[in-house]
Amino acid sequence: MADLNAALIAFVGVLAGGYVNNFLAEDFRRFRDSQALAGALAGELESHAKGMSILRPRLDGMLALVKADTPLALNEMEKQTSPIFEANVQRIGLLGPDIARQVAAVYEQLNGFRVGFVMLSKHHNTMSRQWREAVIGDCIVRIETAATGGAGLLDALNAHAKAKYRINWPIFG
């Protein structure tokens, strides 16, 4: 009977160990996925930020032209995307609620800029001067808002990408 009890205890121990190991492995996999996502989004946002230093003076120049009632020489454009964000939007929750909120807010501002700029490129010849001024002004506000929110977000994403793994279960504190 003692042998049976010992075998049963060993069997239950192996099952419990396997069960816990499975959860730890899944938790670690999610952590590594979130680190990779944070690094990729940080890279994409850094790229956008570098482009904004070129874009802002051009928008200011366009606004000055419109205010002077000078026609814009602007080719029609299609809406651009952020490929890393678009491909991983369903996984943003891996980053935690605070970073996910910031990511959504910054990318929504970028999207608003893109929508406005596409509208401007398609309709700048047919709409009023006031409409063009308003659209360009909105584009400027959108990229400034994205830049302001993106600065703190880049720090958070880079910190998350470099973080060390720790067990994040309530029973472990």
C-alpha atoms as a PDB file:
ATOM      1  CA  MET A   1       0.000   0.000   0.000  1.00  0.00           C
ATOM      2  CA  ALA A   2       2.897   2.361   0.756  1.00  0.00           C
ATOM      3  CA  ASP A   3       4.283   1.713  -2.730  1.00  0.00           C
ATOM      4  CA  LEU A   4       0.929   2.620  -4.270  1.00  0.00           C
ATOM      5  CA  ASN A   5       0.741   5.850  -2.231  1.00  0.00           C
ATOM      6  CA  ALA A   6       4.301   6.773  -3.218  1.00  0.00           C
ATOM      7  CA  ALA A   7       3.535   6.103  -6.886  1.00  0.00           C
ATOM      8  CA  LEU A   8       0.308   8.144  -6.682  1.00  0.00           C
ATOM      9  CA  ILE A   9       2.111  11.058  -5.016  1.00  0.00           C
ATOM     10  CA  ALA A  10       4.854  10.928  -7.661  1.00  0.00           C
ATOM     11  CA  PHE A  11       2.249  10.830 -10.449  1.00  0.00           C
ATOM     12  CA  VAL A  12       0.330  13.800  -9.009  1.00  0.00           C
ATOM     13  CA  GLY A  13       3.637  15.668  -8.572  1.00  0.00           C
ATOM     14  CA  VAL A  14       4.580  15.059 -12.208  1.00  0.00           C
ATOM     15  CA  LEU A  15       1.140  16.218 -13.378  1.00  0.00           C
ATOM     16  CA  ALA A  16       1.262  19.336 -11.187  1.00  0.00           C
ATOM     17  CA  GLY A  17       4.806  20.124 -12.335  1.00  0.00           C
ATOM     18  CA  GLY A  18       3.852  19.715 -15.964  1.00  0.00           C
ATOM     19  CA  TYR A  19       0.790  21.882 -15.465  1.00  0.00           C
ATOM     20  CA  VAL A  20       2.785  24.694 -13.830  1.00  0.00           C
ATOM     21  CA  ASN A  21       5.571  24.339 -16.404  1.00  0.00           C
ATOM     22  CA  ASN A  22       3.024  24.719 -19.215  1.00  0.00           C
ATOM     23  CA  PHE A  23       1.721  27.977 -17.719  1.00  0.00           C
ATOM     24  CA  LEU A  24       5.248  29.289 -17.173  1.00  0.00           C
ATOM     25  CA  ALA A  25       6.213  28.458 -20.743  1.00  0.00           C
ATOM     26  CA  GLU A  26       3.123  30.242 -22.104  1.00  0.00           C
ATOM     27  CA  ASP A  27       3.733  33.254 -19.862  1.00  0.00           C
ATOM     28  CA  PHE A  28       7.356  33.459 -21.030  1.00  0.00           C
ATOM     29  CA  ARG A  29       6.339  33.106 -24.703  1.00  0.00           C
ATOM     30  CA  ARG A  30       3.867  35.962 -24.348  1.00  0.00           C
ATOM     31  CA  PHE A  31       6.492  38.066 -22.626  1.00  0.00           C
ATOM     32  CA  ARG A  32       8.974  37.489 -25.452  1.00  0.00           C
ATOM     33  CA  ASP A  33       6.276  38.259 -28.034  1.00  0.00           C
ATOM     34  CA  SER A  34       5.455  41.507 -26.231  1.00  0.00           C
ATOM     35  CA  GLN A  35       9.141  42.463 -26.158  1.00  0.00           C
ATOM     36  CA  ALA A  36       9.487  41.882 -29.893  1.00  0.00           C
ATOM     37  CA  LEU A  37       6.303  43.845 -30.574  1.00  0.00           C
ATOM     38  CA  ALA A  38       7.484  46.725 -28.374  1.00  0.00           C
ATOM     39  CA  GLY A  39      10.818  46.858 -30.182  1.00  0.00           C
ATOM     40  CA  ALA A  40       9.213  46.762 -33.619  1.00  0.00           C
ATOM     41  CA  LEU A  41       6.687  49.475 -32.774  1.00  0.00           C
ATOM     42  CA  ALA A  42       9.445  51.625 -31.266  1.00  0.00           C
ATOM     43  CA  GLY A  43      11.407  51.304 -34.501  1.00  0.00           C
ATOM     44  CA  GLU A  44       8.399  52.203 -36.613  1.00  0.00           C
ATOM     45  CA  LEU A  45       7.570  55.222 -34.436  1.00  0.00           C
ATOM     46  CA  GLU A  46      11.205  56.385 -34.461  1.00  0.00           C
ATOM     47  CA  SER A  47      11.066  56.277 -38.249  1.00  0.00           C
ATOM     48  CA  HIS A  48       7.869  58.344 -38.253  1.00  0.00           C
ATOM     49  CA  ALA A  49       9.442  60.842 -35.837  1.00  0.00           C
ATOM     50  CA  LYS A  50      12.426  61.370 -38.134  1.00  0.00           C
ATOM     51  CA  GLY A  51      10.058  62.053 -41.017  1.00  0.00           C
ATOM     52  CA  MET A  52       8.099  64.610 -38.994  1.00  0.00           C
ATOM     53  CA  SER A  53      11.113  66.907 -38.764  1.00  0.00           C
ATOM     54  CA  ILE A  54      10.974  67.134 -42.562  1.00  0.00           C
ATOM     55  CA  LEU A  55       7.193  67.186 -42.808  1.00  0.00           C
ATOM     56  CA  ARG A  56       6.425  70.034 -40.416  1.00  0.00           C
ATOM     57  CA  PRO A  57       8.326  72.762 -42.342  1.00  0.00           C
ATOM     58  CA  ARG A  58       6.704  71.578 -45.564  1.00  0.00           C
ATOM     59  CA  LEU A  59       3.241  71.819 -44.024  1.00  0.00           C
ATOM     60  CA  ASP A  60       4.064  75.303 -42.758  1.00  0.00           C
ATOM     61  CA  GLY A  61       5.159  76.245 -46.285  1.00  0.00           C
ATOM     62  CA  MET A  62       1.956  74.832 -47.753  1.00  0.00           C
ATOM     63  CA  LEU A  63      -0.098  76.773 -45.223  1.00  0.00           C
ATOM     64  CA  ALA A  64       1.733  80.008 -46.136  1.00  0.00           C
ATOM     65  CA  LEU A  65       1.027  79.368 -49.828  1.00  0.00           C
ATOM     66  CA  VAL A  66      -2.653  78.757 -49.175  1.00  0.00           C
ATOM     67  CA  LYS A  67      -2.943  81.906 -47.027  1.00  0.00           C
ATOM     68  CA  ALA A  68      -1.333  83.881 -49.880  1.00  0.00           C
ATOM     69  CA  ASP A  69      -3.942  82.323 -52.196  1.00  0.00           C
ATOM     70  CA  THR A  70      -1.199  80.639 -54.223  1.00  0.00           C
ATOM     71  CA  PRO A  71      -2.197  77.335 -55.846  1.00  0.00           C
ATOM     72  CA  LEU A  72      -0.634  74.209 -54.377  1.00  0.00           C
ATOM     73  CA  ALA A  73       1.392  71.922 -56.611  1.00  0.00           C
ATOM     74  CA  LEU A  74       0.353  68.723 -54.896  1.00  0.00           C
ATOM     75  CA  ASN A  75      -0.010  65.328 -56.516  1.00  0.00           C
ATOM     76  CA  GLU A  76      -2.860  63.070 -55.481  1.00  0.00           C
ATOM     77  CA  MET A  77      -1.750  60.513 -52.915  1.00  0.00           C
ATOM     78  CA  GLU A  78      -3.094  57.271 -51.586  1.00  0.00           C
ATOM     79  CA  LYS A  79      -3.356  56.763 -47.839  1.00  0.00           C
ATOM     80  CA  GLN A  80      -0.178  55.348 -46.348  1.00  0.00           C
ATOM     81  CA  THR A  81      -0.096  52.792 -43.546  1.00  0.00           C
ATOM     82  CA  SER A  82       2.131  51.732 -40.684  1.00  0.00           C
ATOM     83  CA  PRO A  83       2.846  48.118 -41.640  1.00  0.00           C
ATOM     84  CA  ILE A  84       4.068  46.904 -38.248  1.00  0.00           C
ATOM     85  CA  PHE A  85       1.142  48.429 -36.371  1.00  0.00           C
ATOM     86  CA  GLU A  86      -1.398  47.243 -38.958  1.00  0.00           C
ATOM     87  CA  ALA A  87      -0.054  43.681 -38.882  1.00  0.00           C
ATOM     88  CA  ASN A  88      -0.065  43.520 -35.074  1.00  0.00           C
ATOM     89  CA  VAL A  89      -3.052  45.568 -33.986  1.00  0.00           C
ATOM     90  CA  GLN A  90      -4.739  42.502 -32.464  1.00  0.00           C
ATOM     91  CA  ARG A  91      -1.635  41.844 -30.321  1.00  0.00           C
ATOM     92  CA  ILE A  92      -1.280  45.328 -28.799  1.00  0.00           C
ATOM     93  CA  GLY A  93      -2.789  44.017 -25.547  1.00  0.00           C
ATOM     94  CA  LEU A  94       0.419  42.049 -24.936  1.00  0.00           C
ATOM     95  CA  LEU A  95       2.056  45.362 -24.041  1.00  0.00           C
ATOM     96  CA  GLY A  96      -0.228  45.991 -21.072  1.00  0.00           C
ATOM     97  CA  PRO A  97      -3.092  48.466 -20.756  1.00  0.00           C
ATOM     98  CA  ASP A  98      -1.081  51.693 -20.346  1.00  0.00           C
ATOM     99  CA  ILE A  99       1.263  51.154 -23.285  1.00  0.00           C
ATOM    100  CA  ALA A 100      -1.586  49.784 -25.421  1.00  0.00           C
ATOM    101  CA  ARG A 101      -3.598  52.968 -24.757  1.00  0.00           C
ATOM    102  CA  GLN A 102      -0.664  55.165 -25.717  1.00  0.00           C
ATOM    103  CA  VAL A 103       0.037  53.135 -28.868  1.00  0.00           C
ATOM    104  CA  ALA A 104      -3.593  53.399 -29.970  1.00  0.00           C
ATOM    105  CA  ALA A 105      -3.676  57.157 -29.298  1.00  0.00           C
ATOM    106  CA  VAL A 106      -0.465  57.923 -31.220  1.00  0.00           C
ATOM    107  CA  TYR A 107      -1.359  55.756 -34.197  1.00  0.00           C
ATOM    108  CA  GLU A 108      -4.857  57.250 -34.323  1.00  0.00           C
ATOM    109  CA  GLN A 109      -3.300  60.719 -34.572  1.00  0.00           C
ATOM    110  CA  LEU A 110      -1.057  59.470 -37.387  1.00  0.00           C
ATOM    111  CA  ASN A 111      -4.108  58.009 -39.095  1.00  0.00           C
ATOM    112  CA  GLY A 112      -5.977  61.310 -38.734  1.00  0.00           C
ATOM    113  CA  PHE A 113      -3.037  63.112 -40.339  1.00  0.00           C
ATOM    114  CA  ARG A 114      -2.986  60.635 -43.213  1.00  0.00           C
ATOM    115  CA  VAL A 115      -6.725  60.961 -43.844  1.00  0.00           C
ATOM    116  CA  GLY A 116      -6.464  64.745 -43.851  1.00  0.00           C
ATOM    117  CA  PHE A 117      -3.462  64.784 -46.152  1.00  0.00           C
ATOM    118  CA  VAL A 118      -5.109  62.388 -48.616  1.00  0.00           C
ATOM    119  CA  MET A 119      -8.206  64.622 -48.644  1.00  0.00           C
ATOM    120  CA  LEU A 120      -5.992  67.636 -49.273  1.00  0.00           C
ATOM    121  CA  SER A 121      -4.115  65.914 -52.087  1.00  0.00           C
ATOM    122  CA  LYS A 122      -7.346  64.878 -53.797  1.00  0.00           C
ATOM    123  CA  HIS A 123      -9.394  68.057 -53.359  1.00  0.00           C
ATOM    124  CA  HIS A 124      -6.974  70.976 -52.989  1.00  0.00           C
ATOM    125  CA  ASN A 125      -7.880  72.297 -56.459  1.00  0.00           C
ATOM    126  CA  THR A 126     -11.638  72.262 -55.909  1.00  0.00           C
ATOM    127  CA  MET A 127     -12.116  73.353 -52.296  1.00  0.00           C
ATOM    128  CA  SER A 128     -12.035  76.842 -50.799  1.00  0.00           C
ATOM    129  CA  ARG A 129      -8.953  78.499 -49.341  1.00  0.00           C
ATOM    130  CA  GLN A 130     -10.490  78.288 -45.847  1.00  0.00           C
ATOM    131  CA  TRP A 131     -11.033  74.540 -46.250  1.00  0.00           C
ATOM    132  CA  ARG A 132      -7.402  74.025 -47.346  1.00  0.00           C
ATOM    133  CA  GLU A 133      -6.173  76.121 -44.411  1.00  0.00           C
ATOM    134  CA  ALA A 134      -8.310  74.098 -41.996  1.00  0.00           C
ATOM    135  CA  VAL A 135      -7.133  70.758 -43.370  1.00  0.00           C
ATOM    136  CA  ILE A 136      -3.462  71.743 -43.291  1.00  0.00           C
ATOM    137  CA  GLY A 137      -3.932  73.156 -39.774  1.00  0.00           C
ATOM    138  CA  ASP A 138      -5.533  69.899 -38.676  1.00  0.00           C
ATOM    139  CA  CYS A 139      -2.650  67.919 -40.203  1.00  0.00           C
ATOM    140  CA  ILE A 140      -0.177  70.054 -38.231  1.00  0.00           C
ATOM    141  CA  VAL A 141      -2.102  69.534 -34.992  1.00  0.00           C
ATOM    142  CA  ARG A 142      -2.283  65.787 -35.608  1.00  0.00           C
ATOM    143  CA  ILE A 143       1.460  65.345 -36.130  1.00  0.00           C
ATOM    144  CA  GLU A 144       2.279  67.578 -33.154  1.00  0.00           C
ATOM    145  CA  THR A 145      -0.095  65.574 -30.953  1.00  0.00           C
ATOM    146  CA  ALA A 146       1.420  62.318 -32.213  1.00  0.00           C
ATOM    147  CA  ALA A 147       4.934  63.640 -31.568  1.00  0.00           C
ATOM    148  CA  THR A 148       4.056  64.755 -28.036  1.00  0.00           C
ATOM    149  CA  GLY A 149       2.437  61.426 -27.165  1.00  0.00           C
ATOM    150  CA  GLY A 150       5.054  59.472 -29.063  1.00  0.00           C
ATOM    151  CA  ALA A 151       8.021  60.804 -27.084  1.00  0.00           C
ATOM    152  CA  GLY A 152       6.905  59.204 -23.822  1.00  0.00           C
ATOM    153  CA  LEU A 153       5.643  56.169 -25.678  1.00  0.00           C
ATOM    154  CA  LEU A 154       9.047  55.532 -27.259  1.00  0.00           C
ATOM    155  CA  ASP A 155      10.608  55.483 -23.804  1.00  0.00           C
ATOM    156  CA  ALA A 156       7.956  53.056 -22.538  1.00  0.00           C
ATOM    157  CA  LEU A 157       8.277  50.779 -25.580  1.00  0.00           C
ATOM    158  CA  ASN A 158      12.075  50.718 -25.381  1.00  0.00           C
ATOM    159  CA  ALA A 159      11.933  49.959 -21.652  1.00  0.00           C
ATOM    160  CA  HIS A 160       9.459  47.139 -22.270  1.00  0.00           C
ATOM    161  CA  ALA A 161      11.610  45.715 -25.064  1.00  0.00           C
ATOM    162  CA  LYS A 162      14.629  45.614 -22.716  1.00  0.00           C
ATOM    163  CA  ALA A 163      12.799  44.381 -19.590  1.00  0.00           C
ATOM    164  CA  LYS A 164      13.806  41.183 -17.857  1.00  0.00           C
ATOM    165  CA  TYR A 165      11.300  38.377 -17.489  1.00  0.00           C
ATOM    166  CA  ARG A 166       9.595  37.947 -14.156  1.00  0.00           C
ATOM    167  CA  ILE A 167       6.694  35.756 -13.235  1.00  0.00           C
ATOM    168  CA  ASN A 168       3.613  37.944 -13.308  1.00  0.00           C
ATOM    169  CA  TRP A 169       1.148  35.794 -11.437  1.00  0.00           C
ATOM    170  CA  PRO A 170      -0.805  37.107  -8.440  1.00  0.00           C
ATOM    171  CA  ILE A 171       0.276  34.150  -6.258  1.00  0.00           C
ATOM    172  CA  PHE A 172       3.933  35.161  -6.733  1.00  0.00           C
ATOM    173  CA  GLY A 173       3.380  38.784  -5.675  1.00  0.00           C
END
